[in-house]
Amino acid sequence: MDALKATLGNKMDQKAQPGDSVEGKADDAVNSGIDQAANSAGVPQQDDHAINDVTDSKVNSDIPGGN
């Protein structure tokens, strides 16, 4: 239970950081394009999710104040 509380606390702390709104919009835009390309190529959903995670990290690191 303590681990769950710690994880939720960390997520809430991240939500309060500056740049999250911009990051969310950028992630959504990039992920939409990736999802379309992956679906067209027949990439399995779990692999598409992994691609999105890696891409989100890169996009967020390129945003000033990003997480």
PDB file of N, CA and C in Angstrom:
ATOM      1  N   MET A   1       0.823  -1.184   0.000  1.00  0.00           N
ATOM      2  CA  MET A   1       0.000   0.000   0.000  1.00  0.00           C
ATOM      3  C   MET A   1       0.875   1.260   0.000  1.00  0.00           C
ATOM      4  N   ASP A   2       1.975   1.224   0.738  1.00  0.00           N
ATOM      5  CA  ASP A   2       2.864   2.381   0.774  1.00  0.00           C
ATOM      6  C   ASP A   2       3.475   2.667  -0.593  1.00  0.00           C
ATOM      7  N   ALA A   3       3.805   1.618  -1.318  1.00  0.00           N
ATOM      8  CA  ALA A   3       4.374   1.790  -2.655  1.00  0.00           C
ATOM      9  C   ALA A   3       3.366   2.453  -3.581  1.00  0.00           C
ATOM     10  N   LEU A   4       2.102   2.060  -3.466  1.00  0.00           N
ATOM     11  CA  LEU A   4       1.049   2.658  -4.288  1.00  0.00           C
ATOM     12  C   LEU A   4       0.891   4.140  -3.962  1.00  0.00           C
ATOM     13  N   LYS A   5       0.885   4.467  -2.681  1.00  0.00           N
ATOM     14  CA  LYS A   5       0.770   5.870  -2.273  1.00  0.00           C
ATOM     15  C   LYS A   5       1.948   6.685  -2.784  1.00  0.00           C
ATOM     16  N   ALA A   6       3.131   6.136  -2.715  1.00  0.00           N
ATOM     17  CA  ALA A   6       4.328   6.844  -3.190  1.00  0.00           C
ATOM     18  C   ALA A   6       4.250   7.080  -4.693  1.00  0.00           C
ATOM     19  N   THR A   7       3.805   6.074  -5.426  1.00  0.00           N
ATOM     20  CA  THR A   7       3.680   6.208  -6.879  1.00  0.00           C
ATOM     21  C   THR A   7       2.658   7.267  -7.234  1.00  0.00           C
ATOM     22  N   LEU A   8       1.516   7.237  -6.574  1.00  0.00           N
ATOM     23  CA  LEU A   8       0.487   8.245  -6.835  1.00  0.00           C
ATOM     24  C   LEU A   8       0.968   9.642  -6.455  1.00  0.00           C
ATOM     25  N   GLY A   9       1.675   9.750  -5.368  1.00  0.00           N
ATOM     26  CA  GLY A   9       2.223  11.041  -4.957  1.00  0.00           C
ATOM     27  C   GLY A   9       3.199  11.586  -5.971  1.00  0.00           C
ATOM     28  N   ASN A  10       4.046  10.716  -6.508  1.00  0.00           N
ATOM     29  CA  ASN A  10       5.007  11.149  -7.525  1.00  0.00           C
ATOM     30  C   ASN A  10       4.297  11.616  -8.780  1.00  0.00           C
ATOM     31  N   LYS A  11       3.248  10.915  -9.188  1.00  0.00           N
ATOM     32  CA  LYS A  11       2.484  11.301 -10.378  1.00  0.00           C
ATOM     33  C   LYS A  11       1.815  12.654 -10.162  1.00  0.00           C
ATOM     34  N   MET A  12       1.271  12.868  -8.974  1.00  0.00           N
ATOM     35  CA  MET A  12       0.608  14.143  -8.694  1.00  0.00           C
ATOM     36  C   MET A  12       1.623  15.279  -8.666  1.00  0.00           C
ATOM     37  N   ASP A  13       2.809  15.026  -8.138  1.00  0.00           N
ATOM     38  CA  ASP A  13       3.855  16.040  -8.130  1.00  0.00           C
ATOM     39  C   ASP A  13       4.246  16.406  -9.556  1.00  0.00           C
ATOM     40  N   GLN A  14       4.335  15.427 -10.434  1.00  0.00           N
ATOM     41  CA  GLN A  14       4.689  15.676 -11.826  1.00  0.00           C
ATOM     42  C   GLN A  14       3.615  16.494 -12.523  1.00  0.00           C
ATOM     43  N   LYS A  15       2.355  16.243 -12.205  1.00  0.00           N
ATOM     44  CA  LYS A  15       1.252  16.980 -12.834  1.00  0.00           C
ATOM     45  C   LYS A  15       1.324  18.462 -12.493  1.00  0.00           C
ATOM     46  N   ALA A  16       1.882  18.804 -11.346  1.00  0.00           N
ATOM     47  CA  ALA A  16       1.934  20.187 -10.907  1.00  0.00           C
ATOM     48  C   ALA A  16       3.116  20.956 -11.488  1.00  0.00           C
ATOM     49  N   GLN A  17       3.990  20.275 -12.208  1.00  0.00           N
ATOM     50  CA  GLN A  17       5.179  20.927 -12.732  1.00  0.00           C
ATOM     51  C   GLN A  17       4.845  21.760 -13.965  1.00  0.00           C
ATOM     52  N   PRO A  18       5.552  22.885 -14.160  1.00  0.00           N
ATOM     53  CA  PRO A  18       5.293  23.715 -15.328  1.00  0.00           C
ATOM     54  C   PRO A  18       5.606  22.962 -16.613  1.00  0.00           C
ATOM     55  N   GLY A  19       4.876  23.290 -17.659  1.00  0.00           N
ATOM     56  CA  GLY A  19       5.115  22.686 -18.955  1.00  0.00           C
ATOM     57  C   GLY A  19       4.261  21.469 -19.236  1.00  0.00           C
ATOM     58  N   ASP A  20       3.511  20.973 -18.244  1.00  0.00           N
ATOM     59  CA  ASP A  20       2.732  19.754 -18.448  1.00  0.00           C
ATOM     60  C   ASP A  20       1.634  19.923 -19.490  1.00  0.00           C
ATOM     61  N   SER A  21       0.982  21.080 -19.523  1.00  0.00           N
ATOM     62  CA  SER A  21      -0.072  21.311 -20.507  1.00  0.00           C
ATOM     63  C   SER A  21       0.494  21.279 -21.916  1.00  0.00           C
ATOM     64  N   VAL A  22       1.622  21.931 -22.094  1.00  0.00           N
ATOM     65  CA  VAL A  22       2.280  21.945 -23.396  1.00  0.00           C
ATOM     66  C   VAL A  22       2.738  20.539 -23.757  1.00  0.00           C
ATOM     67  N   GLU A  23       3.307  19.843 -22.795  1.00  0.00           N
ATOM     68  CA  GLU A  23       3.772  18.474 -23.027  1.00  0.00           C
ATOM     69  C   GLU A  23       2.621  17.565 -23.435  1.00  0.00           C
ATOM     70  N   GLY A  24       1.514  17.670 -22.738  1.00  0.00           N
ATOM     71  CA  GLY A  24       0.363  16.824 -23.044  1.00  0.00           C
ATOM     72  C   GLY A  24      -0.128  17.031 -24.470  1.00  0.00           C
ATOM     73  N   LYS A  25      -0.216  18.287 -24.874  1.00  0.00           N
ATOM     74  CA  LYS A  25      -0.665  18.591 -26.234  1.00  0.00           C
ATOM     75  C   LYS A  25       0.345  18.107 -27.266  1.00  0.00           C
ATOM     76  N   ALA A  26       1.618  18.284 -26.990  1.00  0.00           N
ATOM     77  CA  ALA A  26       2.662  17.820 -27.915  1.00  0.00           C
ATOM     78  C   ALA A  26       2.659  16.300 -27.995  1.00  0.00           C
ATOM     79  N   ASP A  27       2.546  15.631 -26.839  1.00  0.00           N
ATOM     80  CA  ASP A  27       2.506  14.164 -26.814  1.00  0.00           C
ATOM     81  C   ASP A  27       1.318  13.646 -27.622  1.00  0.00           C
ATOM     82  N   ASP A  28       0.147  14.266 -27.414  1.00  0.00           N
ATOM     83  CA  ASP A  28      -1.051  13.821 -28.122  1.00  0.00           C
ATOM     84  C   ASP A  28      -0.893  13.968 -29.630  1.00  0.00           C
ATOM     85  N   ALA A  29      -0.340  15.090 -30.056  1.00  0.00           N
ATOM     86  CA  ALA A  29      -0.162  15.328 -31.491  1.00  0.00           C
ATOM     87  C   ALA A  29       0.807  14.318 -32.104  1.00  0.00           C
ATOM     88  N   VAL A  30       1.930  14.110 -31.449  1.00  0.00           N
ATOM     89  CA  VAL A  30       2.927  13.169 -31.965  1.00  0.00           C
ATOM     90  C   VAL A  30       2.390  11.740 -31.924  1.00  0.00           C
ATOM     91  N   ASN A  31       1.752  11.371 -30.810  1.00  0.00           N
ATOM     92  CA  ASN A  31       1.230  10.016 -30.679  1.00  0.00           C
ATOM     93  C   ASN A  31       0.159   9.709 -31.723  1.00  0.00           C
ATOM     94  N   SER A  32      -0.640  10.707 -32.057  1.00  0.00           N
ATOM     95  CA  SER A  32      -1.673  10.514 -33.076  1.00  0.00           C
ATOM     96  C   SER A  32      -1.043  10.118 -34.414  1.00  0.00           C
ATOM     97  N   GLY A  33      -0.006  10.826 -34.795  1.00  0.00           N
ATOM     98  CA  GLY A  33       0.692  10.506 -36.039  1.00  0.00           C
ATOM     99  C   GLY A  33       1.358   9.141 -35.991  1.00  0.00           C
ATOM    100  N   ILE A  34       1.963   8.833 -34.853  1.00  0.00           N
ATOM    101  CA  ILE A  34       2.621   7.524 -34.692  1.00  0.00           C
ATOM    102  C   ILE A  34       1.580   6.410 -34.734  1.00  0.00           C
ATOM    103  N   ASP A  35       0.452   6.614 -34.058  1.00  0.00           N
ATOM    104  CA  ASP A  35      -0.599   5.592 -34.032  1.00  0.00           C
ATOM    105  C   ASP A  35      -1.123   5.305 -35.437  1.00  0.00           C
ATOM    106  N   GLN A  36      -1.323   6.350 -36.216  1.00  0.00           N
ATOM    107  CA  GLN A  36      -1.813   6.160 -37.583  1.00  0.00           C
ATOM    108  C   GLN A  36      -0.804   5.389 -38.424  1.00  0.00           C
ATOM    109  N   ALA A  37       0.444   5.772 -38.339  1.00  0.00           N
ATOM    110  CA  ALA A  37       1.490   5.089 -39.111  1.00  0.00           C
ATOM    111  C   ALA A  37       1.656   3.642 -38.653  1.00  0.00           C
ATOM    112  N   ALA A  38       1.615   3.421 -37.337  1.00  0.00           N
ATOM    113  CA  ALA A  38       1.770   2.071 -36.805  1.00  0.00           C
ATOM    114  C   ALA A  38       0.602   1.180 -37.212  1.00  0.00           C
ATOM    115  N   ASN A  39      -0.609   1.715 -37.154  1.00  0.00           N
ATOM    116  CA  ASN A  39      -1.777   0.937 -37.566  1.00  0.00           C
ATOM    117  C   ASN A  39      -1.697   0.584 -39.045  1.00  0.00           C
ATOM    118  N   SER A  40      -1.281   1.522 -39.862  1.00  0.00           N
ATOM    119  CA  SER A  40      -1.145   1.274 -41.300  1.00  0.00           C
ATOM    120  C   SER A  40      -0.104   0.193 -41.576  1.00  0.00           C
ATOM    121  N   ALA A  41       0.950   0.165 -40.744  1.00  0.00           N
ATOM    122  CA  ALA A  41       2.026  -0.808 -40.934  1.00  0.00           C
ATOM    123  C   ALA A  41       1.732  -2.143 -40.254  1.00  0.00           C
ATOM    124  N   GLY A  42       0.632  -2.220 -39.489  1.00  0.00           N
ATOM    125  CA  GLY A  42       0.282  -3.462 -38.807  1.00  0.00           C
ATOM    126  C   GLY A  42       1.074  -3.730 -37.545  1.00  0.00           C
ATOM    127  N   VAL A  43       1.580  -2.676 -36.908  1.00  0.00           N
ATOM    128  CA  VAL A  43       2.346  -2.834 -35.665  1.00  0.00           C
ATOM    129  C   VAL A  43       1.385  -3.228 -34.539  1.00  0.00           C
ATOM    130  N   PRO A  44       1.704  -4.265 -33.757  1.00  0.00           N
ATOM    131  CA  PRO A  44       0.840  -4.652 -32.632  1.00  0.00           C
ATOM    132  C   PRO A  44       0.695  -3.509 -31.622  1.00  0.00           C
ATOM    133  N   GLN A  45      -0.466  -3.439 -30.977  1.00  0.00           N
ATOM    134  CA  GLN A  45      -0.785  -2.339 -30.059  1.00  0.00           C
ATOM    135  C   GLN A  45       0.242  -2.184 -28.942  1.00  0.00           C
ATOM    136  N   GLN A  46       0.715  -3.300 -28.347  1.00  0.00           N
ATOM    137  CA  GLN A  46       1.681  -3.178 -27.253  1.00  0.00           C
ATOM    138  C   GLN A  46       3.000  -2.578 -27.738  1.00  0.00           C
ATOM    139  N   ASP A  47       3.381  -2.866 -28.962  1.00  0.00           N
ATOM    140  CA  ASP A  47       4.602  -2.270 -29.511  1.00  0.00           C
ATOM    141  C   ASP A  47       4.400  -0.796 -29.810  1.00  0.00           C
ATOM    142  N   ASP A  48       3.207  -0.461 -30.281  1.00  0.00           N
ATOM    143  CA  ASP A  48       2.868   0.941 -30.543  1.00  0.00           C
ATOM    144  C   ASP A  48       2.939   1.745 -29.249  1.00  0.00           C
ATOM    145  N   HIS A  49       2.474   1.149 -28.156  1.00  0.00           N
ATOM    146  CA  HIS A  49       2.521   1.819 -26.849  1.00  0.00           C
ATOM    147  C   HIS A  49       3.970   2.074 -26.428  1.00  0.00           C
ATOM    148  N   ALA A  50       4.827   1.112 -26.663  1.00  0.00           N
ATOM    149  CA  ALA A  50       6.251   1.273 -26.321  1.00  0.00           C
ATOM    150  C   ALA A  50       6.881   2.386 -27.155  1.00  0.00           C
ATOM    151  N   ILE A  51       6.523   2.447 -28.431  1.00  0.00           N
ATOM    152  CA  ILE A  51       7.036   3.526 -29.301  1.00  0.00           C
ATOM    153  C   ILE A  51       6.568   4.875 -28.783  1.00  0.00           C
ATOM    154  N   ASN A  52       5.294   4.962 -28.385  1.00  0.00           N
ATOM    155  CA  ASN A  52       4.758   6.220 -27.846  1.00  0.00           C
ATOM    156  C   ASN A  52       5.518   6.651 -26.587  1.00  0.00           C
ATOM    157  N   ASP A  53       5.827   5.706 -25.705  1.00  0.00           N
ATOM    158  CA  ASP A  53       6.540   6.037 -24.471  1.00  0.00           C
ATOM    159  C   ASP A  53       7.914   6.642 -24.762  1.00  0.00           C
ATOM    160  N   VAL A  54       8.628   6.034 -25.694  1.00  0.00           N
ATOM    161  CA  VAL A  54       9.962   6.537 -26.052  1.00  0.00           C
ATOM    162  C   VAL A  54       9.849   7.914 -26.695  1.00  0.00           C
ATOM    163  N   THR A  55       8.888   8.060 -27.588  1.00  0.00           N
ATOM    164  CA  THR A  55       8.698   9.332 -28.280  1.00  0.00           C
ATOM    165  C   THR A  55       8.288  10.426 -27.303  1.00  0.00           C
ATOM    166  N   ASP A  56       7.396  10.096 -26.355  1.00  0.00           N
ATOM    167  CA  ASP A  56       6.976  11.081 -25.355  1.00  0.00           C
ATOM    168  C   ASP A  56       8.181  11.611 -24.574  1.00  0.00           C
ATOM    169  N   SER A  57       9.078  10.726 -24.194  1.00  0.00           N
ATOM    170  CA  SER A  57      10.268  11.142 -23.445  1.00  0.00           C
ATOM    171  C   SER A  57      11.108  12.120 -24.269  1.00  0.00           C
ATOM    172  N   LYS A  58      11.276  11.816 -25.543  1.00  0.00           N
ATOM    173  CA  LYS A  58      12.073  12.688 -26.412  1.00  0.00           C
ATOM    174  C   LYS A  58      11.387  14.030 -26.608  1.00  0.00           C
ATOM    175  N   VAL A  59      10.092  14.011 -26.891  1.00  0.00           N
ATOM    176  CA  VAL A  59       9.345  15.264 -27.101  1.00  0.00           C
ATOM    177  C   VAL A  59       9.406  16.107 -25.833  1.00  0.00           C
ATOM    178  N   ASN A  60       9.167  15.490 -24.671  1.00  0.00           N
ATOM    179  CA  ASN A  60       9.154  16.230 -23.412  1.00  0.00           C
ATOM    180  C   ASN A  60      10.524  16.806 -23.087  1.00  0.00           C
ATOM    181  N   SER A  61      11.596  16.110 -23.430  1.00  0.00           N
ATOM    182  CA  SER A  61      12.923  16.632 -23.148  1.00  0.00           C
ATOM    183  C   SER A  61      13.271  17.827 -24.041  1.00  0.00           C
ATOM    184  N   ASP A  62      12.594  17.931 -25.190  1.00  0.00           N
ATOM    185  CA  ASP A  62      12.836  19.049 -26.107  1.00  0.00           C
ATOM    186  C   ASP A  62      12.034  20.288 -25.750  1.00  0.00           C
ATOM    187  N   ILE A  63      11.088  20.171 -24.812  1.00  0.00           N
ATOM    188  CA  ILE A  63      10.246  21.303 -24.393  1.00  0.00           C
ATOM    189  C   ILE A  63      10.896  21.972 -23.181  1.00  0.00           C
ATOM    190  N   PRO A  64      11.170  23.280 -23.267  1.00  0.00           N
ATOM    191  CA  PRO A  64      11.738  23.973 -22.103  1.00  0.00           C
ATOM    192  C   PRO A  64      10.820  23.828 -20.875  1.00  0.00           C
ATOM    193  N   GLY A  65      11.380  23.422 -19.767  1.00  0.00           N
ATOM    194  CA  GLY A  65      10.595  23.202 -18.549  1.00  0.00           C
ATOM    195  C   GLY A  65       9.887  21.869 -18.552  1.00  0.00           C
ATOM    196  N   GLY A  66      10.171  21.041 -19.542  1.00  0.00           N
ATOM    197  CA  GLY A  66       9.511  19.740 -19.651  1.00  0.00           C
ATOM    198  C   GLY A  66      10.043  18.749 -18.636  1.00  0.00           C
ATOM    199  N   ASN A  67       9.264  17.673 -18.471  1.00  0.00           N
ATOM    200  CA  ASN A  67       9.625  16.639 -17.484  1.00  0.00           C
ATOM    201  C   ASN A  67      10.370  15.525 -18.144  1.00  0.00           C
TER     202      ASN A  67
END
